[in-house]
């Protein structure tokens, strides 16, 4: 696939799967042995069924979840996204009961594509900032 086609596949992945919760699209977009690397969830989201559980986890916590692209570029079989996620905390997340608070988190993902499917993703986002917005941890204080 061309780099442009790889970017289009990743945008479809975010729009249809994360934003719309279309679980049927998971099977069209991900390779059967897809691996999801994320320090907050480890390999929980690997494989098609694992990834569906991961999407359910986030969409249950944030039913109005929306991810927008701040920047995207491709290099060979890799696509890099800088993104912003927004949602209202309406369900449990990391053991934190629903707060009703609006949350905004930024992150970066690197996707590897092979045979017109996503085969691997490395994901990092501002989990500490998310926890602060939910009131689960306080901000750091500087010493005077």
C-alpha atoms as a PDB file:
ATOM      1  CA  UNK A   1       0.000   0.000   0.000  1.00  0.00           C
ATOM      2  CA  UNK A   2       1.095   3.559  -0.575  1.00  0.00           C
ATOM      3  CA  UNK A   3       1.835   5.824   2.374  1.00  0.00           C
ATOM      4  CA  UNK A   4      -1.335   7.763   1.556  1.00  0.00           C
ATOM      5  CA  UNK A   5      -3.387   4.548   1.612  1.00  0.00           C
ATOM      6  CA  UNK A   6      -1.800   3.602   4.943  1.00  0.00           C
ATOM      7  CA  UNK A   7      -2.840   6.978   6.411  1.00  0.00           C
ATOM      8  CA  UNK A   8      -6.366   6.480   5.077  1.00  0.00           C
ATOM      9  CA  UNK A   9      -6.554   3.033   6.718  1.00  0.00           C
ATOM     10  CA  UNK A  10      -5.510   4.466  10.087  1.00  0.00           C
ATOM     11  CA  UNK A  11      -8.003   7.349   9.820  1.00  0.00           C
ATOM     12  CA  UNK A  12     -10.723   4.799   9.046  1.00  0.00           C
ATOM     13  CA  UNK A  13      -9.619   2.762  12.080  1.00  0.00           C
ATOM     14  CA  UNK A  14      -9.955   5.762  14.397  1.00  0.00           C
ATOM     15  CA  UNK A  15     -13.183   7.111  12.867  1.00  0.00           C
ATOM     16  CA  UNK A  16     -15.070   3.829  12.570  1.00  0.00           C
ATOM     17  CA  UNK A  17     -13.750   1.849  15.512  1.00  0.00           C
ATOM     18  CA  UNK A  18     -12.870   4.363  18.262  1.00  0.00           C
ATOM     19  CA  UNK A  19     -15.264   7.180  17.401  1.00  0.00           C
ATOM     20  CA  UNK A  20     -18.242   5.201  16.095  1.00  0.00           C
ATOM     21  CA  UNK A  21     -17.752   1.967  18.074  1.00  0.00           C
ATOM     22  CA  UNK A  22     -18.157  -0.118  14.900  1.00  0.00           C
ATOM     23  CA  UNK A  23     -16.830  -3.495  16.028  1.00  0.00           C
ATOM     24  CA  UNK A  24     -17.424  -5.042  12.575  1.00  0.00           C
ATOM     25  CA  UNK A  25     -14.743  -2.740  11.180  1.00  0.00           C
ATOM     26  CA  UNK A  26     -12.186  -4.279  13.573  1.00  0.00           C
ATOM     27  CA  UNK A  27     -12.228  -7.504  11.573  1.00  0.00           C
ATOM     28  CA  UNK A  28     -11.803  -5.610   8.302  1.00  0.00           C
ATOM     29  CA  UNK A  29      -8.958  -3.387   9.498  1.00  0.00           C
ATOM     30  CA  UNK A  30      -6.874  -5.442  11.946  1.00  0.00           C
ATOM     31  CA  UNK A  31      -4.721  -8.448  11.132  1.00  0.00           C
ATOM     32  CA  UNK A  32      -5.805 -11.575  13.068  1.00  0.00           C
ATOM     33  CA  UNK A  33      -2.572 -11.479  15.094  1.00  0.00           C
ATOM     34  CA  UNK A  34      -2.705  -7.715  15.761  1.00  0.00           C
ATOM     35  CA  UNK A  35      -0.547  -6.565  18.704  1.00  0.00           C
ATOM     36  CA  UNK A  36      -1.429  -3.474  20.738  1.00  0.00           C
ATOM     37  CA  UNK A  37       1.333  -1.986  22.932  1.00  0.00           C
ATOM     38  CA  UNK A  38       0.188   0.497  25.573  1.00  0.00           C
ATOM     39  CA  UNK A  39       1.778   1.086  28.981  1.00  0.00           C
ATOM     40  CA  UNK A  40      -1.619   1.703  30.607  1.00  0.00           C
ATOM     41  CA  UNK A  41      -3.229  -1.515  29.355  1.00  0.00           C
ATOM     42  CA  UNK A  42      -0.155  -3.613  28.433  1.00  0.00           C
ATOM     43  CA  UNK A  43      -1.113  -6.159  25.762  1.00  0.00           C
ATOM     44  CA  UNK A  44      -4.805  -6.249  26.816  1.00  0.00           C
ATOM     45  CA  UNK A  45      -5.861  -4.949  23.391  1.00  0.00           C
ATOM     46  CA  UNK A  46      -3.999  -7.511  21.277  1.00  0.00           C
ATOM     47  CA  UNK A  47      -5.802  -9.768  18.803  1.00  0.00           C
ATOM     48  CA  UNK A  48      -9.197  -8.921  17.366  1.00  0.00           C
ATOM     49  CA  UNK A  49     -11.181 -10.000  20.418  1.00  0.00           C
ATOM     50  CA  UNK A  50      -8.730  -8.326  22.785  1.00  0.00           C
ATOM     51  CA  UNK A  51      -8.996  -5.109  20.834  1.00  0.00           C
ATOM     52  CA  UNK A  52     -12.792  -5.245  20.906  1.00  0.00           C
ATOM     53  CA  UNK A  53     -12.575  -5.587  24.702  1.00  0.00           C
ATOM     54  CA  UNK A  54     -10.211  -2.600  24.811  1.00  0.00           C
ATOM     55  CA  UNK A  55     -12.572  -0.446  22.733  1.00  0.00           C
ATOM     56  CA  UNK A  56     -15.492  -1.497  24.954  1.00  0.00           C
ATOM     57  CA  UNK A  57     -13.444  -0.578  28.020  1.00  0.00           C
ATOM     58  CA  UNK A  58     -12.824   2.983  26.761  1.00  0.00           C
ATOM     59  CA  UNK A  59     -16.272   3.482  25.218  1.00  0.00           C
ATOM     60  CA  UNK A  60     -17.984   2.252  28.410  1.00  0.00           C
ATOM     61  CA  UNK A  61     -15.939   4.804  30.377  1.00  0.00           C
ATOM     62  CA  UNK A  62     -16.455   7.555  27.766  1.00  0.00           C
ATOM     63  CA  UNK A  63     -19.591   6.850  25.675  1.00  0.00           C
ATOM     64  CA  UNK A  64     -19.112  10.105  23.748  1.00  0.00           C
ATOM     65  CA  UNK A  65     -15.431   9.375  23.033  1.00  0.00           C
ATOM     66  CA  UNK A  66     -14.068  11.290  20.078  1.00  0.00           C
ATOM     67  CA  UNK A  67     -10.510  11.206  18.809  1.00  0.00           C
ATOM     68  CA  UNK A  68      -9.325  13.890  16.412  1.00  0.00           C
ATOM     69  CA  UNK A  69      -6.079  14.001  14.479  1.00  0.00           C
ATOM     70  CA  UNK A  70      -3.722  16.856  15.255  1.00  0.00           C
ATOM     71  CA  UNK A  71      -1.072  15.567  12.857  1.00  0.00           C
ATOM     72  CA  UNK A  72      -0.428  12.448  10.797  1.00  0.00           C
ATOM     73  CA  UNK A  73       2.395  11.259   8.571  1.00  0.00           C
ATOM     74  CA  UNK A  74       3.635   8.015   7.069  1.00  0.00           C
ATOM     75  CA  UNK A  75       7.043   6.513   6.430  1.00  0.00           C
ATOM     76  CA  UNK A  76       7.030   3.229   4.580  1.00  0.00           C
ATOM     77  CA  UNK A  77       4.825   0.742   6.436  1.00  0.00           C
ATOM     78  CA  UNK A  78       4.446   3.018   9.506  1.00  0.00           C
ATOM     79  CA  UNK A  79       1.881   5.734  10.228  1.00  0.00           C
ATOM     80  CA  UNK A  80       2.359   8.182  13.098  1.00  0.00           C
ATOM     81  CA  UNK A  81      -0.559  10.075  14.610  1.00  0.00           C
ATOM     82  CA  UNK A  82      -0.552  12.892  17.115  1.00  0.00           C
ATOM     83  CA  UNK A  83      -4.105  13.002  18.416  1.00  0.00           C
ATOM     84  CA  UNK A  84      -6.474  14.413  21.001  1.00  0.00           C
ATOM     85  CA  UNK A  85      -9.179  12.354  22.686  1.00  0.00           C
ATOM     86  CA  UNK A  86     -12.201  13.881  24.367  1.00  0.00           C
ATOM     87  CA  UNK A  87     -15.078  12.401  26.291  1.00  0.00           C
ATOM     88  CA  UNK A  88     -17.313  12.535  29.341  1.00  0.00           C
ATOM     89  CA  UNK A  89     -16.436  10.101  32.119  1.00  0.00           C
ATOM     90  CA  UNK A  90     -19.692   8.154  32.444  1.00  0.00           C
ATOM     91  CA  UNK A  91     -18.318   4.716  33.430  1.00  0.00           C
ATOM     92  CA  UNK A  92     -15.493   3.149  35.425  1.00  0.00           C
ATOM     93  CA  UNK A  93     -11.935   3.743  34.228  1.00  0.00           C
ATOM     94  CA  UNK A  94      -8.881   2.272  35.977  1.00  0.00           C
ATOM     95  CA  UNK A  95     -11.058   1.559  39.018  1.00  0.00           C
ATOM     96  CA  UNK A  96     -12.357   5.147  39.141  1.00  0.00           C
ATOM     97  CA  UNK A  97     -16.159   5.339  39.196  1.00  0.00           C
ATOM     98  CA  UNK A  98     -17.913   7.700  36.792  1.00  0.00           C
ATOM     99  CA  UNK A  99     -17.402  11.364  37.653  1.00  0.00           C
ATOM    100  CA  UNK A 100     -19.374  13.029  34.873  1.00  0.00           C
ATOM    101  CA  UNK A 101     -16.319  15.162  34.126  1.00  0.00           C
ATOM    102  CA  UNK A 102     -15.217  16.099  30.642  1.00  0.00           C
ATOM    103  CA  UNK A 103     -11.710  14.865  29.882  1.00  0.00           C
ATOM    104  CA  UNK A 104      -9.224  15.790  27.179  1.00  0.00           C
ATOM    105  CA  UNK A 105      -6.052  13.768  26.605  1.00  0.00           C
ATOM    106  CA  UNK A 106      -3.384  13.990  23.952  1.00  0.00           C
ATOM    107  CA  UNK A 107      -1.329  11.099  22.652  1.00  0.00           C
ATOM    108  CA  UNK A 108       0.858   9.666  19.957  1.00  0.00           C
ATOM    109  CA  UNK A 109       0.397   6.351  18.165  1.00  0.00           C
ATOM    110  CA  UNK A 110       2.629   4.518  15.729  1.00  0.00           C
ATOM    111  CA  UNK A 111       0.924   1.927  13.544  1.00  0.00           C
ATOM    112  CA  UNK A 112       2.560  -0.749  11.394  1.00  0.00           C
ATOM    113  CA  UNK A 113       0.681  -1.935   8.313  1.00  0.00           C
ATOM    114  CA  UNK A 114       1.177  -5.128   6.314  1.00  0.00           C
ATOM    115  CA  UNK A 115      -1.037  -6.721   3.660  1.00  0.00           C
ATOM    116  CA  UNK A 116      -3.503  -3.809   3.889  1.00  0.00           C
ATOM    117  CA  UNK A 117      -4.159  -4.406   7.605  1.00  0.00           C
ATOM    118  CA  UNK A 118      -2.965  -2.921  10.862  1.00  0.00           C
ATOM    119  CA  UNK A 119      -0.636  -5.464  12.440  1.00  0.00           C
ATOM    120  CA  UNK A 120       0.811  -3.539  15.365  1.00  0.00           C
ATOM    121  CA  UNK A 121       0.275  -0.293  17.279  1.00  0.00           C
ATOM    122  CA  UNK A 122       2.427   1.458  19.872  1.00  0.00           C
ATOM    123  CA  UNK A 123       0.349   3.913  21.867  1.00  0.00           C
ATOM    124  CA  UNK A 124       1.183   6.493  24.519  1.00  0.00           C
ATOM    125  CA  UNK A 125      -1.092   9.163  25.956  1.00  0.00           C
ATOM    126  CA  UNK A 126      -1.229  11.559  28.885  1.00  0.00           C
ATOM    127  CA  UNK A 127      -2.641   9.096  31.415  1.00  0.00           C
ATOM    128  CA  UNK A 128      -1.464  11.224  34.362  1.00  0.00           C
ATOM    129  CA  UNK A 129      -3.281  14.257  32.950  1.00  0.00           C
ATOM    130  CA  UNK A 130      -6.399  12.126  32.512  1.00  0.00           C
ATOM    131  CA  UNK A 131      -6.225  10.970  36.136  1.00  0.00           C
ATOM    132  CA  UNK A 132      -5.791  14.582  37.287  1.00  0.00           C
ATOM    133  CA  UNK A 133      -8.857  15.681  35.328  1.00  0.00           C
ATOM    134  CA  UNK A 134     -10.835  12.861  36.958  1.00  0.00           C
ATOM    135  CA  UNK A 135      -9.695  14.010  40.413  1.00  0.00           C
ATOM    136  CA  UNK A 136      -7.913  10.720  41.092  1.00  0.00           C
ATOM    137  CA  UNK A 137      -4.541  12.398  41.684  1.00  0.00           C
ATOM    138  CA  UNK A 138      -3.553  15.942  42.479  1.00  0.00           C
ATOM    139  CA  UNK A 139      -1.188  18.140  40.510  1.00  0.00           C
ATOM    140  CA  UNK A 140       2.460  18.345  41.394  1.00  0.00           C
ATOM    141  CA  UNK A 141       3.441  21.271  43.615  1.00  0.00           C
ATOM    142  CA  UNK A 142       6.725  23.076  43.279  1.00  0.00           C
ATOM    143  CA  UNK A 143       8.690  24.068  46.324  1.00  0.00           C
ATOM    144  CA  UNK A 144       9.162  27.780  46.938  1.00  0.00           C
END
